[in-house]
Amino acid sequence: MLTAAVRLLHERYGNPCYVVGADSWAPDVFLGLDEVARCWPLPRKAPFVFGLAWAEVLRALRESAPGPVYVFEHHPGQVRRIRRLLRLSGIDMRRCLFMDESPGMELPWRDALLRFARRTPPALSAADYPQPPARRAWSPRLRVLDAERSERDKWLRSRGYRGEPLVLVQPGNHRTMGRRRLRNWRGRDDKVWLVERWVRLLHGIHVRMPEAMIVLRGASAEMPLLESIRAAAALSCVTSASTALRPLFALCEVADSMISADSGPAHSAAALGVPLVVLYGTQPSRVWLPCSATGSPVVAVGGPPRFERAEQISVAAVFDAWCSATDAAPQAAAQADFELPPAPLSTQTRSVRMEPSAFSSSVR
């Protein structure tokens, strides 16, 4: 969602942005975007000095004068840490704006980010930096590099793929990757959907689209969950793949559709124009529904006021939502950039791990 606001800031101020994000995956999100000159990751909870980039961030803050500094963080604890970092840099705090809004129950969070990006720090004159047209649609955007497309096509060809419909399924979310993930699957995680329901959904997809390849996608910590679903489904068209963000973006670029828990990968799929279905628990879809960059369908299932946990959602409801999303989008367009192999390859039940470096998509 932040890429939409960054695009607005780039157009308004005329220069690409420097971005400081939490966690090591932050640079992967902004890689290849013209509106971002550099992105540094800093630790979310550990002291900044434990992050390798903190000295570079301090230097960049000083050298960015007299440019604006927008703090999009809304959690009080994180905001306090950011204020300490800014004071340590010695910059003029009048260049800084802090977001005074947090996610609610009604308004889309992307709109709140855009409203904040239209404000002007006290040290700058709003008249010197006119607002882009309000009528312009600002949507999230991601980029896929040519080298990543090449690695993706190589991997897909090795799986026997020849341009058939590709359906991505993201059963997990950030809680299924935590240290307490086994307890969360059965207790605290309101986003969890039972394995047997995923299995029934996969069979429904296969019956409706028998030629499709179905990829169960997740991080390496989610592989036990993915493998349990794949094994229970016992379908030769289903594969499980452990991918980092950049290979996921490349897969989304040629995907026919995606079904996902409420998660970051769902937002990635929408930003790359994939017809999408998202399962919600306690979080309201009105606030967190991903925004498509191309107008592709994005359908929410579950969430308040009717549902408080994803496990309350029926298989039929998710299947019907997927049918409506795929019916609303041309199926052949998504595979336009895939380079076909010279000869057919065999298709087998398979499980594969894609382990990229931070900025490339090597496959093992």
Foldseek 3Di string as FASTA:
>chain_A
DLQLLLVQLCVQVVAADEEEEEDPQVQVQCPPPRNHPYYHYAHPPDQRVVGPCLVVVLVCLVVVPPAAAEAADDDVVSVVSVVVSNVVSVDDCLSYDYQPDDFDAAAAQVVSSNVSSLDGRRVDDCVVGDGDDPPDDRAHAGDADPQLLVQLLVVCVVQQDFQAAEEEEEQDAPLCQDPCNVCCLPPVPLQHADLVLLLVLVVVVCVVRVRYQYEYEEAPSCVVVQVVSLVVNPDLSYEYEHDDDNNLLSVLLQHLAYEYELYPSQLSSQNNQHQYEYQYAAGHCNHRFHHHPVPQHGHYDDYPDVHHGSNVTHSVVRNVSRVVRSVVDDRNVSNPPRDGDPDGDDHGHYYAYFDDDSHGTDGD
